[in-house]
PDB file of N, CA and C in Angstrom:
ATOM      1  N   UNK A   1     111.966 133.699  91.692  1.00  0.00           N
ATOM      2  CA  UNK A   1     110.887 132.739  91.594  1.00  0.00           C
ATOM      3  C   UNK A   1     111.340 131.474  92.315  1.00  0.00           C
ATOM      4  N   UNK A   2     110.405 130.828  93.015  1.00  0.00           N
ATOM      5  CA  UNK A   2     110.741 129.580  93.685  1.00  0.00           C
ATOM      6  C   UNK A   2     109.585 128.598  93.567  1.00  0.00           C
ATOM      7  N   UNK A   3     109.897 127.332  93.683  1.00  0.00           N
ATOM      8  CA  UNK A   3     108.880 126.278  93.635  1.00  0.00           C
ATOM      9  C   UNK A   3     108.305 126.129  95.029  1.00  0.00           C
ATOM     10  N   UNK A   4     106.999 126.306  95.160  1.00  0.00           N
ATOM     11  CA  UNK A   4     106.332 126.147  96.448  1.00  0.00           C
ATOM     12  C   UNK A   4     105.916 124.707  96.675  1.00  0.00           C
ATOM     13  N   UNK A   5     105.488 124.034  95.586  1.00  0.00           N
ATOM     14  CA  UNK A   5     104.956 122.684  95.733  1.00  0.00           C
ATOM     15  C   UNK A   5     104.931 122.013  94.356  1.00  0.00           C
ATOM     16  N   UNK A   6     105.221 120.726  94.320  1.00  0.00           N
ATOM     17  CA  UNK A   6     105.071 119.927  93.110  1.00  0.00           C
ATOM     18  C   UNK A   6     103.758 119.160  93.261  1.00  0.00           C
ATOM     19  N   UNK A   7     102.836 119.372  92.345  1.00  0.00           N
ATOM     20  CA  UNK A   7     101.545 118.687  92.402  1.00  0.00           C
ATOM     21  C   UNK A   7     101.690 117.288  91.804  1.00  0.00           C
ATOM     22  N   UNK A   8     101.121 116.307  92.466  1.00  0.00           N
ATOM     23  CA  UNK A   8     101.186 114.934  91.965  1.00  0.00           C
ATOM     24  C   UNK A   8      99.798 114.503  91.512  1.00  0.00           C
ATOM     25  N   UNK A   9      99.762 113.459  90.730  1.00  0.00           N
ATOM     26  CA  UNK A   9      98.485 112.936  90.260  1.00  0.00           C
ATOM     27  C   UNK A   9      97.884 113.747  89.124  1.00  0.00           C
ATOM     28  N   UNK A  10      98.679 114.590  88.487  1.00  0.00           N
ATOM     29  CA  UNK A  10      98.198 115.403  87.369  1.00  0.00           C
ATOM     30  C   UNK A  10      98.979 115.030  86.117  1.00  0.00           C
ATOM     31  N   UNK A  11      98.266 114.788  85.022  1.00  0.00           N
ATOM     32  CA  UNK A  11      98.884 114.522  83.731  1.00  0.00           C
ATOM     33  C   UNK A  11      98.668 115.721  82.826  1.00  0.00           C
ATOM     34  N   UNK A  12      99.627 116.010  81.972  1.00  0.00           N
ATOM     35  CA  UNK A  12      99.421 117.005  80.923  1.00  0.00           C
ATOM     36  C   UNK A  12      98.962 116.269  79.677  1.00  0.00           C
ATOM     37  N   UNK A  13      97.860 116.726  79.084  1.00  0.00           N
ATOM     38  CA  UNK A  13      97.293 116.094  77.895  1.00  0.00           C
ATOM     39  C   UNK A  13      96.911 117.165  76.883  1.00  0.00           C
ATOM     40  N   UNK A  14      96.769 116.756  75.645  1.00  0.00           N
ATOM     41  CA  UNK A  14      96.198 117.609  74.606  1.00  0.00           C
ATOM     42  C   UNK A  14      94.767 117.112  74.396  1.00  0.00           C
ATOM     43  N   UNK A  15      93.792 117.960  74.649  1.00  0.00           N
ATOM     44  CA  UNK A  15      92.377 117.596  74.491  1.00  0.00           C
ATOM     45  C   UNK A  15      91.775 118.425  73.358  1.00  0.00           C
ATOM     46  N   UNK A  16      90.963 117.794  72.539  1.00  0.00           N
ATOM     47  CA  UNK A  16      90.245 118.511  71.483  1.00  0.00           C
ATOM     48  C   UNK A  16      88.967 119.051  72.111  1.00  0.00           C
ATOM     49  N   UNK A  17      88.970 120.332  72.452  1.00  0.00           N
ATOM     50  CA  UNK A  17      87.835 120.946  73.140  1.00  0.00           C
ATOM     51  C   UNK A  17      86.913 121.646  72.153  1.00  0.00           C
ATOM     52  N   UNK A  18      85.624 121.596  72.456  1.00  0.00           N
ATOM     53  CA  UNK A  18      84.619 122.282  71.658  1.00  0.00           C
ATOM     54  C   UNK A  18      84.100 123.455  72.480  1.00  0.00           C
ATOM     55  N   UNK A  19      84.050 124.627  71.860  1.00  0.00           N
ATOM     56  CA  UNK A  19      83.618 125.827  72.573  1.00  0.00           C
ATOM     57  C   UNK A  19      82.689 126.631  71.674  1.00  0.00           C
ATOM     58  N   UNK A  20      81.703 127.289  72.288  1.00  0.00           N
ATOM     59  CA  UNK A  20      80.776 128.147  71.562  1.00  0.00           C
ATOM     60  C   UNK A  20      81.336 129.568  71.585  1.00  0.00           C
ATOM     61  N   UNK A  21      81.776 130.065  70.437  1.00  0.00           N
ATOM     62  CA  UNK A  21      82.301 131.419  70.321  1.00  0.00           C
ATOM     63  C   UNK A  21      81.381 132.243  69.439  1.00  0.00           C
ATOM     64  N   UNK A  22      80.700 133.184  70.049  1.00  0.00           N
ATOM     65  CA  UNK A  22      79.793 134.080  69.324  1.00  0.00           C
ATOM     66  C   UNK A  22      78.771 133.319  68.477  1.00  0.00           C
ATOM     67  N   UNK A  23      78.205 132.257  69.035  1.00  0.00           N
ATOM     68  CA  UNK A  23      77.168 131.500  68.355  1.00  0.00           C
ATOM     69  C   UNK A  23      77.661 130.440  67.401  1.00  0.00           C
ATOM     70  N   UNK A  24      78.976 130.292  67.244  1.00  0.00           N
ATOM     71  CA  UNK A  24      79.531 129.272  66.353  1.00  0.00           C
ATOM     72  C   UNK A  24      80.331 128.267  67.184  1.00  0.00           C
ATOM     73  N   UNK A  25      80.107 126.966  66.920  1.00  0.00           N
ATOM     74  CA  UNK A  25      80.875 125.935  67.610  1.00  0.00           C
ATOM     75  C   UNK A  25      82.242 125.811  66.960  1.00  0.00           C
ATOM     76  N   UNK A  26      83.273 125.863  67.774  1.00  0.00           N
ATOM     77  CA  UNK A  26      84.649 125.732  67.295  1.00  0.00           C
ATOM     78  C   UNK A  26      85.321 124.624  68.096  1.00  0.00           C
ATOM     79  N   UNK A  27      86.228 123.913  67.448  1.00  0.00           N
ATOM     80  CA  UNK A  27      87.041 122.929  68.156  1.00  0.00           C
ATOM     81  C   UNK A  27      88.493 123.368  68.084  1.00  0.00           C
ATOM     82  N   UNK A  28      89.223 123.008  69.110  1.00  0.00           N
ATOM     83  CA  UNK A  28      90.611 123.430  69.181  1.00  0.00           C
ATOM     84  C   UNK A  28      91.386 122.469  70.065  1.00  0.00           C
ATOM     85  N   UNK A  29      92.548 121.988  69.593  1.00  0.00           N
ATOM     86  CA  UNK A  29      93.394 121.199  70.495  1.00  0.00           C
ATOM     87  C   UNK A  29      93.949 122.124  71.568  1.00  0.00           C
ATOM     88  N   UNK A  30      93.824 121.716  72.817  1.00  0.00           N
ATOM     89  CA  UNK A  30      94.233 122.565  73.940  1.00  0.00           C
ATOM     90  C   UNK A  30      95.071 121.776  74.925  1.00  0.00           C
ATOM     91  N   UNK A  31      96.101 122.419  75.459  1.00  0.00           N
ATOM     92  CA  UNK A  31      96.891 121.818  76.526  1.00  0.00           C
ATOM     93  C   UNK A  31      96.043 121.852  77.795  1.00  0.00           C
ATOM     94  N   UNK A  32      95.931 120.698  78.465  1.00  0.00           N
ATOM     95  CA  UNK A  32      95.079 120.596  79.653  1.00  0.00           C
ATOM     96  C   UNK A  32      95.774 119.790  80.741  1.00  0.00           C
ATOM     97  N   UNK A  33      95.348 120.036  81.964  1.00  0.00           N
ATOM     98  CA  UNK A  33      95.741 119.211  83.106  1.00  0.00           C
ATOM     99  C   UNK A  33      94.622 118.207  83.336  1.00  0.00           C
ATOM    100  N   UNK A  34      94.972 116.930  83.458  1.00  0.00           N
ATOM    101  CA  UNK A  34      94.001 115.866  83.705  1.00  0.00           C
ATOM    102  C   UNK A  34      94.236 115.350  85.121  1.00  0.00           C
ATOM    103  N   UNK A  35      93.185 115.390  85.944  1.00  0.00           N
ATOM    104  CA  UNK A  35      93.287 114.921  87.324  1.00  0.00           C
ATOM    105  C   UNK A  35      91.977 114.299  87.747  1.00  0.00           C
ATOM    106  N   UNK A  36      91.954 113.718  88.925  1.00  0.00           N
ATOM    107  CA  UNK A  36      90.728 113.105  89.463  1.00  0.00           C
ATOM    108  C   UNK A  36      90.243 113.907  90.661  1.00  0.00           C
ATOM    109  N   UNK A  37      88.905 114.064  90.742  1.00  0.00           N
ATOM    110  CA  UNK A  37      88.342 114.782  91.887  1.00  0.00           C
ATOM    111  C   UNK A  37      88.214 113.830  93.081  1.00  0.00           C
ATOM    112  N   UNK A  38      87.614 114.287  94.152  1.00  0.00           N
ATOM    113  CA  UNK A  38      87.483 113.487  95.374  1.00  0.00           C
ATOM    114  C   UNK A  38      86.617 112.249  95.197  1.00  0.00           C
ATOM    115  N   UNK A  39      85.789 112.234  94.138  1.00  0.00           N
ATOM    116  CA  UNK A  39      84.902 111.097  93.879  1.00  0.00           C
ATOM    117  C   UNK A  39      85.445 110.185  92.787  1.00  0.00           C
ATOM    118  N   UNK A  40      86.672 110.443  92.317  1.00  0.00           N
ATOM    119  CA  UNK A  40      87.299 109.591  91.308  1.00  0.00           C
ATOM    120  C   UNK A  40      86.965 109.948  89.873  1.00  0.00           C
ATOM    121  N   UNK A  41      86.186 111.007  89.654  1.00  0.00           N
ATOM    122  CA  UNK A  41      85.854 111.415  88.286  1.00  0.00           C
ATOM    123  C   UNK A  41      87.018 112.171  87.672  1.00  0.00           C
ATOM    124  N   UNK A  42      87.254 111.932  86.361  1.00  0.00           N
ATOM    125  CA  UNK A  42      88.312 112.655  85.666  1.00  0.00           C
ATOM    126  C   UNK A  42      87.884 114.096  85.410  1.00  0.00           C
ATOM    127  N   UNK A  43      88.774 115.014  85.704  1.00  0.00           N
ATOM    128  CA  UNK A  43      88.548 116.442  85.512  1.00  0.00           C
ATOM    129  C   UNK A  43      89.617 116.945  84.542  1.00  0.00           C
ATOM    130  N   UNK A  44      89.199 117.729  83.558  1.00  0.00           N
ATOM    131  CA  UNK A  44      90.110 118.331  82.590  1.00  0.00           C
ATOM    132  C   UNK A  44      90.088 119.840  82.810  1.00  0.00           C
ATOM    133  N   UNK A  45      91.269 120.419  83.024  1.00  0.00           N
ATOM    134  CA  UNK A  45      91.385 121.860  83.249  1.00  0.00           C
ATOM    135  C   UNK A  45      92.215 122.458  82.116  1.00  0.00           C
ATOM    136  N   UNK A  46      91.606 123.267  81.234  1.00  0.00           N
ATOM    137  CA  UNK A  46      92.362 123.875  80.129  1.00  0.00           C
ATOM    138  C   UNK A  46      93.470 124.793  80.646  1.00  0.00           C
ATOM    139  N   UNK A  47      94.611 124.746  79.956  1.00  0.00           N
ATOM    140  CA  UNK A  47      95.753 125.587  80.310  1.00  0.00           C
ATOM    141  C   UNK A  47      96.042 126.626  79.242  1.00  0.00           C
ATOM    142  N   UNK A  48      95.190 126.672  78.203  1.00  0.00           N
ATOM    143  CA  UNK A  48      95.288 127.740  77.214  1.00  0.00           C
ATOM    144  C   UNK A  48      93.897 128.057  76.681  1.00  0.00           C
ATOM    145  N   UNK A  49      93.765 129.256  76.119  1.00  0.00           N
ATOM    146  CA  UNK A  49      92.490 129.694  75.538  1.00  0.00           C
ATOM    147  C   UNK A  49      92.300 129.028  74.177  1.00  0.00           C
ATOM    148  N   UNK A  50      91.088 129.074  73.620  1.00  0.00           N
ATOM    149  CA  UNK A  50      90.869 128.459  72.301  1.00  0.00           C
ATOM    150  C   UNK A  50      91.783 129.013  71.202  1.00  0.00           C
ATOM    151  N   UNK A  51      92.260 130.240  71.364  1.00  0.00           N
ATOM    152  CA  UNK A  51      93.160 130.783  70.337  1.00  0.00           C
ATOM    153  C   UNK A  51      94.635 130.572  70.686  1.00  0.00           C
ATOM    154  N   UNK A  52      94.916 129.737  71.710  1.00  0.00           N
ATOM    155  CA  UNK A  52      96.282 129.327  71.996  1.00  0.00           C
ATOM    156  C   UNK A  52      97.030 130.116  73.045  1.00  0.00           C
ATOM    157  N   UNK A  53      96.419 131.148  73.617  1.00  0.00           N
ATOM    158  CA  UNK A  53      97.114 131.929  74.647  1.00  0.00           C
ATOM    159  C   UNK A  53      97.124 131.167  75.966  1.00  0.00           C
ATOM    160  N   UNK A  54      98.267 131.130  76.658  1.00  0.00           N
ATOM    161  CA  UNK A  54      98.337 130.401  77.930  1.00  0.00           C
ATOM    162  C   UNK A  54      97.530 131.087  79.025  1.00  0.00           C
ATOM    163  N   UNK A  55      96.957 130.274  79.922  1.00  0.00           N
ATOM    164  CA  UNK A  55      96.238 130.790  81.088  1.00  0.00           C
ATOM    165  C   UNK A  55      96.671 129.991  82.310  1.00  0.00           C
ATOM    166  N   UNK A  56      96.494 130.549  83.495  1.00  0.00           N
ATOM    167  CA  UNK A  56      96.803 129.835  84.722  1.00  0.00           C
ATOM    168  C   UNK A  56      95.760 128.745  84.956  1.00  0.00           C
ATOM    169  N   UNK A  57      96.196 127.666  85.591  1.00  0.00           N
ATOM    170  CA  UNK A  57      95.279 126.584  85.939  1.00  0.00           C
ATOM    171  C   UNK A  57      94.253 127.120  86.926  1.00  0.00           C
ATOM    172  N   UNK A  58      92.969 127.032  86.557  1.00  0.00           N
ATOM    173  CA  UNK A  58      91.890 127.563  87.381  1.00  0.00           C
ATOM    174  C   UNK A  58      90.803 126.502  87.459  1.00  0.00           C
ATOM    175  N   UNK A  59      90.535 126.000  88.664  1.00  0.00           N
ATOM    176  CA  UNK A  59      89.543 124.934  88.821  1.00  0.00           C
ATOM    177  C   UNK A  59      88.135 125.393  88.448  1.00  0.00           C
ATOM    178  N   UNK A  60      87.893 126.698  88.372  1.00  0.00           N
ATOM    179  CA  UNK A  60      86.596 127.187  87.903  1.00  0.00           C
ATOM    180  C   UNK A  60      86.376 126.846  86.430  1.00  0.00           C
ATOM    181  N   UNK A  61      87.453 126.570  85.684  1.00  0.00           N
ATOM    182  CA  UNK A  61      87.360 126.209  84.267  1.00  0.00           C
ATOM    183  C   UNK A  61      87.316 124.699  84.053  1.00  0.00           C
ATOM    184  N   UNK A  62      87.267 123.926  85.125  1.00  0.00           N
ATOM    185  CA  UNK A  62      87.325 122.456  85.028  1.00  0.00           C
ATOM    186  C   UNK A  62      86.112 121.897  84.283  1.00  0.00           C
ATOM    187  N   UNK A  63      86.386 120.842  83.507  1.00  0.00           N
ATOM    188  CA  UNK A  63      85.354 120.134  82.741  1.00  0.00           C
ATOM    189  C   UNK A  63      85.392 118.684  83.200  1.00  0.00           C
ATOM    190  N   UNK A  64      84.242 118.120  83.584  1.00  0.00           N
ATOM    191  CA  UNK A  64      84.184 116.708  83.951  1.00  0.00           C
ATOM    192  C   UNK A  64      84.268 115.901  82.661  1.00  0.00           C
ATOM    193  N   UNK A  65      85.210 114.942  82.627  1.00  0.00           N
ATOM    194  CA  UNK A  65      85.419 114.126  81.434  1.00  0.00           C
ATOM    195  C   UNK A  65      84.226 113.218  81.200  1.00  0.00           C
ATOM    196  N   UNK A  66      83.846 113.064  79.942  1.00  0.00           N
ATOM    197  CA  UNK A  66      82.728 112.214  79.585  1.00  0.00           C
ATOM    198  C   UNK A  66      83.079 110.749  79.534  1.00  0.00           C
ATOM    199  N   UNK A  67      84.365 110.423  79.576  1.00  0.00           N
ATOM    200  CA  UNK A  67      84.767 109.015  79.482  1.00  0.00           C
ATOM    201  C   UNK A  67      84.992 108.390  80.832  1.00  0.00           C
TER     202      UNK A  67
END
């Protein structure tokens, strides 16, 4: 294994995410990457599933921050 690139401008945060699972709203603290898009908006990308399993960083899962 080797490091290809170190990404800058990304913070690791714990975000309390709300998700609809089978018709029920659930909240879960999740490890996320916090970054800014090209327009300066904060983007949160979850790094684990609601039940705590790790996942790869995928921009398709990005959530625009409400703050």
